Amino acid sequence: MWVDSFDPHEPWDPPSVYDPDMKCPYNPDYKGKDMFLPILGPVEGIYTEPQLHHIRMLYAEKVTMCDRWLGYLMDQVKAMDLEDSTLFLLVSDHGEPLGNGEHGHGIMRKCRPWPYEELVHAPMIIKGPGLPAGKRVKGFTQSCDVAQTVTDWLGIGVHPTHQGKSLLPLAKGEVDKVRDFAITGYHRYSASIRR
C-alpha cells in the first residue's frame, strides 16, 4: 500500500491558520500577519526575522500534524495485528529552505535549482520485523531504492537493470553502505553528486 501525503508542502496551513480560537503552538505570542503561503524566493527585504520565525513554526506545526496522522495509521496497523508482517518506508522527496542562516541560503521554499543541503538532505525511515529499532544509518539512499527494497522484502528479488538498490542489508546492519554517493538534482536545472 502506498500512502501519500502532499503535506507538509506549502501552503503551510496547519489548524492554527484556519481555527480562530487556536494559536500556533510553537509561536503562540506571534501578533503579525499570517505567513502560511510565503513568497517563493529571496527573503532579504521581504520578511522580518519574527515573520521568518513564524513561517518556520507554521511549518513545524504542519509536520507535527502529519506525524499525528501517521501515528493514527500506525496504530491501526498494530490494532489489525499487521505490525509484525509489515515493512514501513517513510520517504521524503526533498527538504525545504526556510530563510536565513542554518534554515536556508537566504531563500524561502524550493526556488533555486542549486542542491543546497536543506533541500536535498531528506529522510528515509525504515521499520520492519527483524530490523533494529532506533538505529541511525549514515549511508546514502535515493528514492529509486524504494522499489528495490520492497521487492527484496517480498522475496521477488532485485531487478538487475534498475538503478535502485535494496536497503535491507543497510537497515539490518549487514553493510555500512549500499552506494558510495548519491545523485541529487532539480529537474532540468541542476544535478550534483553527494559524497
N, C-alpha and C. Protein backbone atom coordinates (compact mmCIF):
# COMPACT_ATOMS: atom_id res chain seq x y z
N MET A 1 0.85 -1.17 0.00
CA MET A 1 0.00 0.00 0.00
C MET A 1 0.89 1.24 0.00
N TRP A 2 0.54 2.20 -0.81
CA TRP A 2 1.26 3.47 -0.89
C TRP A 2 0.35 4.52 -0.26
N VAL A 3 0.83 5.20 0.77
CA VAL A 3 0.09 6.29 1.39
C VAL A 3 0.88 7.56 1.13
N ASP A 4 0.28 8.49 0.43
CA ASP A 4 0.96 9.72 0.05
C ASP A 4 0.36 10.90 0.79
N SER A 5 1.22 11.72 1.34
CA SER A 5 0.78 12.95 1.98
C SER A 5 1.52 14.09 1.32
N PHE A 6 0.81 14.93 0.60
CA PHE A 6 1.46 16.07 -0.02
C PHE A 6 1.97 17.04 1.04
N ASP A 7 1.29 17.07 2.17
CA ASP A 7 1.80 17.89 3.28
C ASP A 7 3.08 17.25 3.76
N PRO A 8 4.02 18.03 4.22
CA PRO A 8 3.93 19.44 4.58
C PRO A 8 4.38 20.42 3.50
N HIS A 9 4.07 20.14 2.26
CA HIS A 9 4.29 21.15 1.21
C HIS A 9 3.44 22.39 1.50
N GLU A 10 3.86 23.48 0.89
CA GLU A 10 3.09 24.71 1.04
C GLU A 10 1.73 24.57 0.36
N PRO A 11 0.72 25.28 0.80
CA PRO A 11 0.77 26.26 1.88
C PRO A 11 0.90 25.57 3.24
N TRP A 12 1.63 26.22 4.13
CA TRP A 12 1.79 25.69 5.48
C TRP A 12 0.63 26.22 6.31
N ASP A 13 -0.48 25.53 6.14
CA ASP A 13 -1.74 25.96 6.76
C ASP A 13 -2.24 24.92 7.75
N PRO A 14 -1.52 24.74 8.85
CA PRO A 14 -1.96 23.81 9.88
C PRO A 14 -3.20 24.37 10.58
N PRO A 15 -3.78 23.61 11.50
CA PRO A 15 -5.03 24.04 12.14
C PRO A 15 -5.02 25.46 12.71
N SER A 16 -3.91 25.93 13.22
CA SER A 16 -3.90 27.27 13.83
C SER A 16 -4.17 28.37 12.80
N VAL A 17 -3.97 28.10 11.53
CA VAL A 17 -4.19 29.11 10.49
C VAL A 17 -5.67 29.34 10.25
N TYR A 18 -6.45 28.27 10.27
CA TYR A 18 -7.87 28.43 9.95
C TYR A 18 -8.80 28.32 11.15
N ASP A 19 -8.30 28.00 12.33
CA ASP A 19 -9.13 27.94 13.53
C ASP A 19 -8.94 29.25 14.31
N PRO A 20 -9.96 30.12 14.34
CA PRO A 20 -9.80 31.42 15.00
C PRO A 20 -9.56 31.33 16.50
N ASP A 21 -9.86 30.20 17.11
CA ASP A 21 -9.67 30.03 18.55
C ASP A 21 -8.32 29.40 18.89
N MET A 22 -7.50 29.17 17.88
CA MET A 22 -6.23 28.46 18.11
C MET A 22 -5.04 29.32 17.72
N LYS A 23 -3.99 29.24 18.49
CA LYS A 23 -2.72 29.90 18.18
C LYS A 23 -1.71 28.83 17.78
N CYS A 24 -0.73 29.23 16.99
CA CYS A 24 0.33 28.29 16.63
C CYS A 24 1.01 27.82 17.91
N PRO A 25 0.98 26.53 18.21
CA PRO A 25 1.55 26.05 19.47
C PRO A 25 3.05 26.32 19.61
N TYR A 26 3.74 26.50 18.50
CA TYR A 26 5.18 26.73 18.55
C TYR A 26 5.54 28.22 18.56
N ASN A 27 4.54 29.07 18.38
CA ASN A 27 4.78 30.52 18.36
C ASN A 27 3.49 31.24 18.80
N PRO A 28 2.98 30.93 20.01
CA PRO A 28 1.67 31.43 20.42
C PRO A 28 1.60 32.95 20.62
N ASP A 29 2.73 33.60 20.82
CA ASP A 29 2.73 35.04 21.08
C ASP A 29 2.87 35.88 19.81
N TYR A 30 2.94 35.25 18.66
CA TYR A 30 3.10 35.98 17.40
C TYR A 30 1.86 36.83 17.13
N LYS A 31 2.09 38.09 16.83
CA LYS A 31 0.98 39.03 16.61
C LYS A 31 0.91 39.53 15.17
N GLY A 32 1.84 39.15 14.34
CA GLY A 32 1.91 39.67 12.97
C GLY A 32 0.96 38.98 12.02
N LYS A 33 1.18 39.28 10.76
CA LYS A 33 0.37 38.73 9.67
C LYS A 33 0.66 37.23 9.52
N ASP A 34 -0.38 36.46 9.23
CA ASP A 34 -0.16 35.04 8.96
C ASP A 34 0.64 34.89 7.68
N MET A 35 1.58 33.97 7.70
CA MET A 35 2.52 33.79 6.60
C MET A 35 2.47 32.35 6.10
N PHE A 36 1.26 31.79 5.94
CA PHE A 36 1.15 30.37 5.62
C PHE A 36 1.48 30.04 4.16
N LEU A 37 1.52 31.05 3.30
CA LEU A 37 1.95 30.83 1.92
C LEU A 37 3.03 31.85 1.59
N PRO A 38 4.24 31.62 2.10
CA PRO A 38 5.30 32.60 1.89
C PRO A 38 5.70 32.73 0.43
N ILE A 39 6.16 33.92 0.10
CA ILE A 39 6.60 34.21 -1.26
C ILE A 39 7.84 33.38 -1.58
N LEU A 40 7.84 32.81 -2.75
CA LEU A 40 8.95 32.00 -3.23
C LEU A 40 10.10 32.90 -3.63
N GLY A 41 11.28 32.68 -3.05
CA GLY A 41 12.46 33.44 -3.47
C GLY A 41 13.26 33.99 -2.32
N PRO A 42 14.10 35.00 -2.61
CA PRO A 42 14.94 35.61 -1.57
C PRO A 42 14.10 36.24 -0.47
N VAL A 43 14.60 36.16 0.77
CA VAL A 43 13.86 36.70 1.91
C VAL A 43 14.31 38.09 2.31
N GLU A 44 15.50 38.49 1.87
CA GLU A 44 16.05 39.80 2.23
C GLU A 44 15.12 40.92 1.77
N GLY A 45 14.74 41.78 2.71
CA GLY A 45 13.87 42.91 2.40
C GLY A 45 12.40 42.54 2.25
N ILE A 46 12.08 41.26 2.34
CA ILE A 46 10.69 40.79 2.21
C ILE A 46 10.11 40.46 3.58
N TYR A 47 10.88 39.75 4.40
CA TYR A 47 10.40 39.28 5.69
C TYR A 47 11.27 39.81 6.82
N THR A 48 10.65 40.06 7.96
CA THR A 48 11.39 40.37 9.18
C THR A 48 11.76 39.06 9.84
N GLU A 49 12.69 39.11 10.78
CA GLU A 49 13.07 37.88 11.50
C GLU A 49 11.88 37.28 12.25
N PRO A 50 11.02 38.09 12.91
CA PRO A 50 9.84 37.47 13.55
C PRO A 50 8.92 36.78 12.54
N GLN A 51 8.79 37.32 11.35
CA GLN A 51 7.97 36.67 10.32
C GLN A 51 8.60 35.37 9.85
N LEU A 52 9.91 35.39 9.65
CA LEU A 52 10.61 34.16 9.25
C LEU A 52 10.47 33.08 10.33
N HIS A 53 10.60 33.49 11.58
CA HIS A 53 10.44 32.54 12.68
C HIS A 53 9.02 31.96 12.66
N HIS A 54 8.03 32.80 12.44
CA HIS A 54 6.64 32.33 12.41
C HIS A 54 6.42 31.35 11.25
N ILE A 55 6.98 31.64 10.10
CA ILE A 55 6.86 30.72 8.97
C ILE A 55 7.43 29.35 9.35
N ARG A 56 8.60 29.35 9.98
CA ARG A 56 9.21 28.08 10.39
C ARG A 56 8.35 27.36 11.42
N MET A 57 7.70 28.11 12.30
CA MET A 57 6.86 27.48 13.31
C MET A 57 5.57 26.93 12.71
N LEU A 58 5.03 27.59 11.68
CA LEU A 58 3.88 27.03 10.97
C LEU A 58 4.28 25.74 10.26
N TYR A 59 5.48 25.73 9.69
CA TYR A 59 5.99 24.52 9.05
C TYR A 59 6.12 23.40 10.10
N ALA A 60 6.66 23.74 11.27
CA ALA A 60 6.80 22.75 12.34
C ALA A 60 5.44 22.21 12.78
N GLU A 61 4.45 23.09 12.86
CA GLU A 61 3.10 22.65 13.23
C GLU A 61 2.54 21.71 12.15
N LYS A 62 2.80 22.02 10.90
CA LYS A 62 2.33 21.18 9.79
C LYS A 62 2.98 19.79 9.86
N VAL A 63 4.29 19.77 10.16
CA VAL A 63 4.99 18.49 10.30
C VAL A 63 4.41 17.70 11.47
N THR A 64 4.12 18.38 12.58
CA THR A 64 3.51 17.72 13.74
C THR A 64 2.15 17.13 13.37
N MET A 65 1.37 17.86 12.58
CA MET A 65 0.07 17.36 12.14
C MET A 65 0.25 16.08 11.32
N CYS A 66 1.22 16.07 10.41
CA CYS A 66 1.49 14.88 9.60
C CYS A 66 1.93 13.72 10.49
N ASP A 67 2.79 14.01 11.47
CA ASP A 67 3.24 12.97 12.41
C ASP A 67 2.05 12.36 13.15
N ARG A 68 1.13 13.21 13.58
CA ARG A 68 -0.04 12.73 14.32
C ARG A 68 -0.87 11.77 13.46
N TRP A 69 -1.14 12.15 12.19
CA TRP A 69 -1.94 11.29 11.33
C TRP A 69 -1.20 10.00 10.96
N LEU A 70 0.11 10.10 10.80
CA LEU A 70 0.89 8.88 10.56
C LEU A 70 0.78 7.96 11.78
N GLY A 71 0.80 8.55 12.96
CA GLY A 71 0.63 7.76 14.19
C GLY A 71 -0.70 7.04 14.23
N TYR A 72 -1.77 7.69 13.78
CA TYR A 72 -3.08 7.03 13.71
C TYR A 72 -3.03 5.83 12.76
N LEU A 73 -2.38 6.01 11.61
CA LEU A 73 -2.25 4.90 10.67
C LEU A 73 -1.47 3.75 11.30
N MET A 74 -0.36 4.08 11.94
CA MET A 74 0.46 3.04 12.58
C MET A 74 -0.32 2.33 13.69
N ASP A 75 -1.13 3.08 14.43
CA ASP A 75 -1.96 2.47 15.48
C ASP A 75 -2.95 1.48 14.88
N GLN A 76 -3.53 1.82 13.71
CA GLN A 76 -4.48 0.92 13.06
C GLN A 76 -3.79 -0.35 12.56
N VAL A 77 -2.59 -0.20 12.02
CA VAL A 77 -1.83 -1.37 11.57
C VAL A 77 -1.58 -2.30 12.76
N LYS A 78 -1.22 -1.72 13.89
CA LYS A 78 -0.97 -2.51 15.10
C LYS A 78 -2.27 -3.16 15.59
N ALA A 79 -3.37 -2.39 15.60
CA ALA A 79 -4.66 -2.93 16.06
C ALA A 79 -5.14 -4.08 15.18
N MET A 80 -4.77 -4.06 13.91
CA MET A 80 -5.15 -5.12 12.99
C MET A 80 -4.17 -6.29 13.03
N ASP A 81 -3.21 -6.22 13.95
CA ASP A 81 -2.21 -7.26 14.14
C ASP A 81 -1.38 -7.50 12.87
N LEU A 82 -1.05 -6.40 12.18
CA LEU A 82 -0.24 -6.48 10.97
C LEU A 82 1.17 -5.93 11.15
N GLU A 83 1.46 -5.40 12.33
CA GLU A 83 2.75 -4.75 12.54
C GLU A 83 3.94 -5.69 12.35
N ASP A 84 3.77 -6.95 12.77
CA ASP A 84 4.89 -7.90 12.70
C ASP A 84 5.10 -8.49 11.31
N SER A 85 4.26 -8.10 10.36
CA SER A 85 4.43 -8.61 9.00
C SER A 85 4.44 -7.48 7.97
N THR A 86 4.69 -6.27 8.44
CA THR A 86 4.62 -5.11 7.55
C THR A 86 5.94 -4.36 7.53
N LEU A 87 6.37 -4.01 6.33
CA LEU A 87 7.55 -3.17 6.15
C LEU A 87 7.06 -1.74 5.91
N PHE A 88 7.59 -0.79 6.66
CA PHE A 88 7.23 0.62 6.52
C PHE A 88 8.44 1.39 5.98
N LEU A 89 8.22 2.19 4.98
CA LEU A 89 9.24 3.11 4.48
C LEU A 89 8.64 4.51 4.49
N LEU A 90 9.24 5.41 5.20
CA LEU A 90 8.83 6.81 5.21
C LEU A 90 9.87 7.57 4.41
N VAL A 91 9.43 8.19 3.33
CA VAL A 91 10.34 8.82 2.38
C VAL A 91 9.87 10.23 2.08
N SER A 92 10.82 11.13 1.93
CA SER A 92 10.51 12.48 1.50
C SER A 92 11.28 12.76 0.21
N ASP A 93 10.69 13.58 -0.66
CA ASP A 93 11.36 13.85 -1.93
C ASP A 93 12.35 15.00 -1.83
N HIS A 94 12.17 15.89 -0.87
CA HIS A 94 13.12 16.99 -0.70
C HIS A 94 12.88 17.68 0.63
N GLY A 95 13.87 18.46 1.04
CA GLY A 95 13.74 19.31 2.22
C GLY A 95 13.17 20.66 1.81
N GLU A 96 13.32 21.64 2.70
CA GLU A 96 12.71 22.94 2.44
C GLU A 96 13.58 24.08 2.94
N PRO A 97 14.00 24.99 2.07
CA PRO A 97 14.70 26.19 2.51
C PRO A 97 13.72 27.12 3.24
N LEU A 98 14.10 27.59 4.41
CA LEU A 98 13.20 28.40 5.24
C LEU A 98 13.83 29.70 5.71
N GLY A 99 14.61 30.34 4.85
CA GLY A 99 15.12 31.66 5.21
C GLY A 99 16.62 31.74 5.35
N ASN A 100 17.05 32.39 6.41
CA ASN A 100 18.47 32.71 6.61
C ASN A 100 19.20 31.71 7.49
N GLY A 101 20.53 31.85 7.48
CA GLY A 101 21.38 31.07 8.39
C GLY A 101 21.22 29.58 8.21
N GLU A 102 21.10 28.88 9.32
CA GLU A 102 21.00 27.42 9.29
C GLU A 102 19.72 26.94 8.61
N HIS A 103 18.78 27.82 8.40
CA HIS A 103 17.49 27.45 7.82
C HIS A 103 17.45 27.52 6.30
N GLY A 104 18.44 28.13 5.71
CA GLY A 104 18.44 28.25 4.26
C GLY A 104 19.49 29.23 3.80
N HIS A 105 19.64 29.36 2.56
CA HIS A 105 20.64 30.25 1.97
C HIS A 105 19.99 31.57 1.55
N GLY A 106 19.20 32.14 2.46
CA GLY A 106 18.55 33.41 2.17
C GLY A 106 17.35 33.28 1.25
N ILE A 107 16.83 32.07 1.15
CA ILE A 107 15.68 31.85 0.27
C ILE A 107 14.56 31.14 1.02
N MET A 108 13.38 31.29 0.46
CA MET A 108 12.19 30.65 1.01
C MET A 108 11.62 29.70 -0.04
N ARG A 109 11.37 28.49 0.37
CA ARG A 109 10.81 27.45 -0.49
C ARG A 109 11.80 27.01 -1.57
N LYS A 110 11.39 26.05 -2.34
CA LYS A 110 12.24 25.45 -3.37
C LYS A 110 12.21 26.35 -4.60
N CYS A 111 13.09 27.36 -4.62
CA CYS A 111 13.02 28.36 -5.69
C CYS A 111 14.28 28.44 -6.54
N ARG A 112 15.36 27.88 -6.07
CA ARG A 112 16.60 27.90 -6.85
C ARG A 112 16.99 26.47 -7.17
N PRO A 113 17.59 26.27 -8.28
CA PRO A 113 17.91 24.90 -8.68
C PRO A 113 19.17 24.33 -8.03
N TRP A 114 19.80 25.06 -7.12
CA TRP A 114 21.04 24.55 -6.54
C TRP A 114 20.74 23.57 -5.42
N PRO A 115 21.42 22.45 -5.39
CA PRO A 115 21.13 21.41 -4.41
C PRO A 115 21.75 21.69 -3.03
N TYR A 116 21.24 22.73 -2.37
CA TYR A 116 21.69 23.03 -1.02
C TYR A 116 21.31 21.89 -0.07
N GLU A 117 22.07 21.77 1.00
CA GLU A 117 21.85 20.70 1.99
C GLU A 117 20.41 20.68 2.49
N GLU A 118 19.85 21.85 2.81
CA GLU A 118 18.50 21.88 3.36
C GLU A 118 17.44 21.45 2.34
N LEU A 119 17.80 21.40 1.08
CA LEU A 119 16.88 20.96 0.04
C LEU A 119 17.03 19.47 -0.25
N VAL A 120 18.26 18.98 -0.28
CA VAL A 120 18.49 17.60 -0.74
C VAL A 120 18.67 16.58 0.38
N HIS A 121 18.86 17.01 1.61
CA HIS A 121 19.02 16.06 2.71
C HIS A 121 17.64 15.69 3.23
N ALA A 122 17.09 14.62 2.70
CA ALA A 122 15.73 14.22 3.02
C ALA A 122 15.75 12.89 3.78
N PRO A 123 14.80 12.67 4.66
CA PRO A 123 14.81 11.44 5.45
C PRO A 123 14.31 10.22 4.68
N MET A 124 14.81 9.08 5.09
CA MET A 124 14.23 7.80 4.70
C MET A 124 14.26 6.95 5.96
N ILE A 125 13.09 6.59 6.42
CA ILE A 125 12.96 5.81 7.66
C ILE A 125 12.37 4.46 7.30
N ILE A 126 13.00 3.41 7.81
CA ILE A 126 12.55 2.05 7.53
C ILE A 126 12.27 1.35 8.85
N LYS A 127 11.10 0.70 8.92
CA LYS A 127 10.72 -0.08 10.11
C LYS A 127 10.13 -1.39 9.63
N GLY A 128 10.55 -2.46 10.25
CA GLY A 128 10.00 -3.75 9.86
C GLY A 128 10.50 -4.86 10.75
N PRO A 129 9.83 -6.01 10.70
CA PRO A 129 10.25 -7.16 11.50
C PRO A 129 11.70 -7.54 11.20
N GLY A 130 12.45 -7.78 12.24
CA GLY A 130 13.84 -8.19 12.08
C GLY A 130 14.81 -7.04 11.86
N LEU A 131 14.30 -5.82 11.77
CA LEU A 131 15.17 -4.66 11.60
C LEU A 131 15.39 -4.01 12.96
N PRO A 132 16.63 -3.61 13.27
CA PRO A 132 16.88 -2.98 14.56
C PRO A 132 16.11 -1.66 14.70
N ALA A 133 15.54 -1.44 15.85
CA ALA A 133 14.77 -0.21 16.11
C ALA A 133 15.70 0.90 16.59
N GLY A 134 15.40 2.11 16.19
CA GLY A 134 16.13 3.27 16.69
C GLY A 134 17.55 3.41 16.18
N LYS A 135 17.91 2.70 15.15
CA LYS A 135 19.28 2.75 14.62
C LYS A 135 19.37 3.83 13.55
N ARG A 136 20.36 4.69 13.66
CA ARG A 136 20.58 5.73 12.66
C ARG A 136 21.73 5.30 11.76
N VAL A 137 21.48 5.33 10.45
CA VAL A 137 22.48 4.90 9.47
C VAL A 137 22.83 6.11 8.63
N LYS A 138 24.12 6.30 8.37
CA LYS A 138 24.54 7.46 7.60
C LYS A 138 24.75 7.17 6.13
N GLY A 139 24.45 5.99 5.69
CA GLY A 139 24.64 5.64 4.29
C GLY A 139 23.71 6.42 3.37
N PHE A 140 24.16 6.62 2.16
CA PHE A 140 23.36 7.32 1.15
C PHE A 140 22.21 6.44 0.67
N THR A 141 21.06 7.05 0.51
CA THR A 141 19.91 6.39 -0.09
C THR A 141 19.33 7.33 -1.14
N GLN A 142 18.55 6.77 -2.03
CA GLN A 142 17.87 7.57 -3.04
C GLN A 142 16.45 7.03 -3.20
N SER A 143 15.57 7.83 -3.74
CA SER A 143 14.18 7.38 -3.88
C SER A 143 14.06 6.17 -4.80
N CYS A 144 14.99 6.00 -5.73
CA CYS A 144 14.93 4.83 -6.62
C CYS A 144 15.22 3.53 -5.86
N ASP A 145 15.65 3.64 -4.61
CA ASP A 145 15.90 2.45 -3.79
C ASP A 145 14.63 1.86 -3.19
N VAL A 146 13.54 2.64 -3.19
CA VAL A 146 12.30 2.17 -2.56
C VAL A 146 11.79 0.90 -3.22
N ALA A 147 11.64 0.91 -4.53
CA ALA A 147 11.10 -0.26 -5.23
C ALA A 147 11.98 -1.49 -5.01
N GLN A 148 13.28 -1.31 -5.09
CA GLN A 148 14.19 -2.45 -4.91
C GLN A 148 14.12 -3.00 -3.49
N THR A 149 13.97 -2.12 -2.51
CA THR A 149 13.86 -2.55 -1.12
C THR A 149 12.58 -3.35 -0.90
N VAL A 150 11.48 -2.86 -1.47
CA VAL A 150 10.19 -3.55 -1.32
C VAL A 150 10.22 -4.90 -2.02
N THR A 151 10.72 -4.96 -3.24
CA THR A 151 10.74 -6.25 -3.95
C THR A 151 11.68 -7.24 -3.27
N ASP A 152 12.77 -6.76 -2.70
CA ASP A 152 13.66 -7.63 -1.93
C ASP A 152 12.93 -8.16 -0.70
N TRP A 153 12.23 -7.29 0.00
CA TRP A 153 11.48 -7.68 1.20
C TRP A 153 10.42 -8.74 0.87
N LEU A 154 9.75 -8.58 -0.27
CA LEU A 154 8.71 -9.52 -0.67
C LEU A 154 9.28 -10.82 -1.22
N GLY A 155 10.60 -10.88 -1.40
CA GLY A 155 11.22 -12.09 -1.91
C GLY A 155 11.15 -12.21 -3.42
N ILE A 156 10.78 -11.14 -4.07
CA ILE A 156 10.70 -11.14 -5.53
C ILE A 156 12.08 -10.99 -6.14
N GLY A 157 12.97 -10.35 -5.40
CA GLY A 157 14.33 -10.12 -5.88
C GLY A 157 14.53 -8.70 -6.36
N VAL A 158 15.75 -8.38 -6.64
CA VAL A 158 16.13 -7.05 -7.08
C VAL A 158 16.38 -7.11 -8.58
N HIS A 159 15.66 -6.30 -9.33
CA HIS A 159 15.78 -6.34 -10.79
C HIS A 159 17.15 -5.81 -11.21
N PRO A 160 17.91 -6.56 -11.98
CA PRO A 160 19.29 -6.17 -12.30
C PRO A 160 19.44 -4.92 -13.17
N THR A 161 18.40 -4.54 -13.89
CA THR A 161 18.54 -3.35 -14.75
C THR A 161 18.09 -2.06 -14.06
N HIS A 162 17.52 -2.16 -12.89
CA HIS A 162 17.09 -0.95 -12.18
C HIS A 162 18.26 -0.29 -11.48
N GLN A 163 18.19 1.02 -11.35
CA GLN A 163 19.29 1.76 -10.73
C GLN A 163 19.26 1.70 -9.20
N GLY A 164 18.10 1.42 -8.63
CA GLY A 164 17.98 1.38 -7.18
C GLY A 164 18.66 0.17 -6.58
N LYS A 165 18.86 0.24 -5.28
CA LYS A 165 19.48 -0.85 -4.53
C LYS A 165 18.60 -1.17 -3.33
N SER A 166 18.56 -2.43 -2.95
CA SER A 166 17.82 -2.79 -1.75
C SER A 166 18.54 -2.21 -0.54
N LEU A 167 17.77 -1.59 0.34
CA LEU A 167 18.34 -1.01 1.55
C LEU A 167 18.27 -1.97 2.74
N LEU A 168 17.74 -3.16 2.54
CA LEU A 168 17.62 -4.11 3.64
C LEU A 168 18.98 -4.48 4.25
N PRO A 169 20.01 -4.75 3.45
CA PRO A 169 21.31 -5.05 4.07
C PRO A 169 21.83 -3.88 4.92
N LEU A 170 21.58 -2.67 4.48
CA LEU A 170 21.98 -1.49 5.23
C LEU A 170 21.16 -1.38 6.52
N ALA A 171 19.85 -1.55 6.40
CA ALA A 171 18.97 -1.45 7.57
C ALA A 171 19.26 -2.54 8.60
N LYS A 172 19.65 -3.72 8.14
CA LYS A 172 19.94 -4.84 9.04
C LYS A 172 21.33 -4.74 9.67
N GLY A 173 22.14 -3.81 9.17
CA GLY A 173 23.49 -3.67 9.70
C GLY A 173 24.48 -4.63 9.08
N GLU A 174 24.10 -5.28 7.99
CA GLU A 174 24.99 -6.22 7.32
C GLU A 174 26.09 -5.53 6.52
N VAL A 175 25.81 -4.30 6.09
CA VAL A 175 26.78 -3.50 5.35
C VAL A 175 26.75 -2.07 5.89
N ASP A 176 27.82 -1.32 5.66
CA ASP A 176 27.88 0.08 6.08
C ASP A 176 27.29 1.03 5.04
N LYS A 177 27.23 0.56 3.80
CA LYS A 177 26.70 1.40 2.73
C LYS A 177 26.27 0.52 1.56
N VAL A 178 25.36 1.05 0.77
CA VAL A 178 24.96 0.35 -0.46
C VAL A 178 25.42 1.13 -1.68
N ARG A 179 25.89 2.35 -1.47
CA ARG A 179 26.41 3.16 -2.57
C ARG A 179 27.44 4.14 -2.00
N ASP A 180 28.37 4.57 -2.86
CA ASP A 180 29.42 5.50 -2.45
C ASP A 180 29.00 6.96 -2.56
N PHE A 181 27.94 7.22 -3.29
CA PHE A 181 27.48 8.59 -3.49
C PHE A 181 26.00 8.57 -3.82
N ALA A 182 25.39 9.74 -3.77
CA ALA A 182 24.00 9.90 -4.19
C ALA A 182 23.93 11.04 -5.19
N ILE A 183 23.05 10.88 -6.14
CA ILE A 183 22.85 11.94 -7.13
C ILE A 183 21.62 12.73 -6.72
N THR A 184 21.79 14.04 -6.65
CA THR A 184 20.66 14.91 -6.33
C THR A 184 20.49 15.89 -7.47
N GLY A 185 19.31 16.43 -7.57
CA GLY A 185 19.11 17.39 -8.64
C GLY A 185 17.78 18.08 -8.58
N TYR A 186 17.65 19.02 -9.45
CA TYR A 186 16.45 19.81 -9.61
C TYR A 186 16.10 19.66 -11.08
N HIS A 187 15.02 18.97 -11.37
CA HIS A 187 14.68 18.55 -12.73
C HIS A 187 14.93 19.64 -13.77
N ARG A 188 15.75 19.31 -14.74
CA ARG A 188 16.12 20.16 -15.89
C ARG A 188 17.01 21.35 -15.54
N TYR A 189 17.38 21.53 -14.29
CA TYR A 189 18.16 22.71 -13.93
C TYR A 189 19.56 22.37 -13.40
N SER A 190 19.63 21.41 -12.49
CA SER A 190 20.94 21.14 -11.89
C SER A 190 21.00 19.71 -11.41
N ALA A 191 22.22 19.25 -11.20
CA ALA A 191 22.46 17.94 -10.63
C ALA A 191 23.77 18.00 -9.87
N SER A 192 23.89 17.16 -8.87
CA SER A 192 25.14 17.10 -8.13
C SER A 192 25.36 15.68 -7.63
N ILE A 193 26.58 15.40 -7.32
CA ILE A 193 26.95 14.12 -6.71
C ILE A 193 27.33 14.40 -5.27
N ARG A 194 26.65 13.75 -4.34
CA ARG A 194 26.91 13.93 -2.90
C ARG A 194 27.76 12.76 -2.44
N ARG A 195 28.91 13.07 -1.81
CA ARG A 195 29.81 12.01 -1.33
C ARG A 195 29.97 12.11 0.15
